Protein backbone atom coordinates (compact mmCIF):
# COMPACT_ATOMS: atom_id res chain seq x y z
CA MET A 1 77.28 12.82 36.86
CA HIS A 2 74.73 12.96 39.69
CA THR A 3 71.43 14.71 39.04
CA GLU A 4 69.12 15.46 41.93
CA THR A 5 65.42 15.17 41.33
CA THR A 6 62.85 16.86 43.46
CA ALA A 7 59.30 15.57 43.56
CA THR A 8 56.75 18.14 42.49
CA PRO A 9 54.19 18.61 45.25
CA ASP A 10 50.59 17.68 44.47
CA LEU A 11 48.76 21.00 44.30
CA SER A 12 45.48 19.69 42.89
CA TRP A 13 43.75 20.67 46.13
CA GLN A 14 44.25 24.32 45.16
CA GLU A 15 41.67 23.96 42.39
CA GLN A 16 38.99 23.48 45.06
CA ALA A 17 40.17 26.41 47.19
CA LEU A 18 37.80 29.32 47.61
CA CYS A 19 40.75 31.72 47.39
CA ALA A 20 41.35 30.54 43.83
CA GLN A 21 37.86 31.80 43.00
CA THR A 22 38.13 35.15 44.79
CA GLY A 23 41.61 36.40 43.91
CA GLY A 24 44.75 36.93 45.92
CA ASP A 25 44.17 40.50 47.08
CA PHE A 26 42.33 39.34 50.20
CA PHE A 27 45.01 36.80 51.07
CA PHE A 28 48.09 38.95 50.50
CA PRO A 29 47.05 42.35 51.85
CA GLU A 30 49.31 45.36 52.19
CA PRO A 31 51.31 45.41 55.45
CA GLY A 32 49.13 46.59 58.31
CA SER A 33 45.89 45.85 56.45
CA SER A 34 43.18 43.64 57.87
CA VAL A 35 43.06 39.92 57.09
CA ARG A 36 39.48 39.63 58.37
CA ASP A 37 37.95 39.10 54.90
CA ALA A 38 40.49 36.42 54.03
CA LYS A 39 39.79 34.58 57.27
CA ARG A 40 36.04 34.66 56.58
CA ILE A 41 36.61 33.06 53.20
CA CYS A 42 38.98 30.48 54.69
CA ALA A 43 36.43 29.56 57.35
CA LEU A 44 34.07 28.41 54.57
CA CYS A 45 36.72 26.65 52.49
CA PRO A 46 36.49 22.84 52.23
CA ILE A 47 40.26 22.40 51.90
CA ARG A 48 41.38 24.76 54.64
CA SER A 49 43.34 22.07 56.50
CA ALA A 50 45.25 21.00 53.36
CA CYS A 51 46.12 24.64 52.72
CA LEU A 52 47.43 25.15 56.24
CA GLU A 53 49.40 21.90 56.08
CA PHE A 54 51.00 23.01 52.81
CA ALA A 55 51.89 26.44 54.23
CA LEU A 56 53.51 24.92 57.30
CA ALA A 57 55.39 22.28 55.30
CA HIS A 58 56.73 24.85 52.83
CA ASP A 59 57.39 27.62 55.36
CA GLU A 60 55.09 30.13 53.65
CA ARG A 61 55.91 33.43 55.29
CA PHE A 62 53.47 35.77 53.60
CA GLY A 63 49.71 35.96 53.31
CA VAL A 64 46.83 34.07 54.85
CA TRP A 65 47.02 30.30 54.43
CA GLY A 66 44.55 27.86 55.95
CA GLY A 67 42.88 30.68 57.83
CA LEU A 68 46.02 31.79 59.66
CA SER A 69 48.09 34.93 59.22
CA GLU A 70 51.88 34.97 59.06
CA LYS A 71 52.14 35.66 62.80
CA GLU A 72 49.66 32.93 63.68
CA ARG A 73 51.50 30.35 61.58
CA LEU A 74 54.80 31.35 63.14
CA ALA A 75 53.32 30.92 66.63
CA LEU A 76 51.91 27.53 65.62
CA ARG A 77 55.29 26.39 64.25
CA ARG A 78 57.02 27.48 67.44
CA ALA A 79 54.50 25.56 69.54
CA MET A 80 55.02 22.36 67.55
CA PRO A 81 57.33 19.76 69.11
């Protein structure tokens, strides 16, 4: 019998994230709502790049991750070689 094992990603960086201290409402707003507040918080976050890297690697399709909205991450993925 073959059992596949999947490595659990290291998410320890999330403990340092400013979003973890402010709550998810800013980062997962209702459709059509502004993401301005989330982006302000992200701009001050010390682990912003790790967050964005995680979102791109795991194809996160909702919310603000690493300071980018869903549309901005999609555009970035499309521009990548």
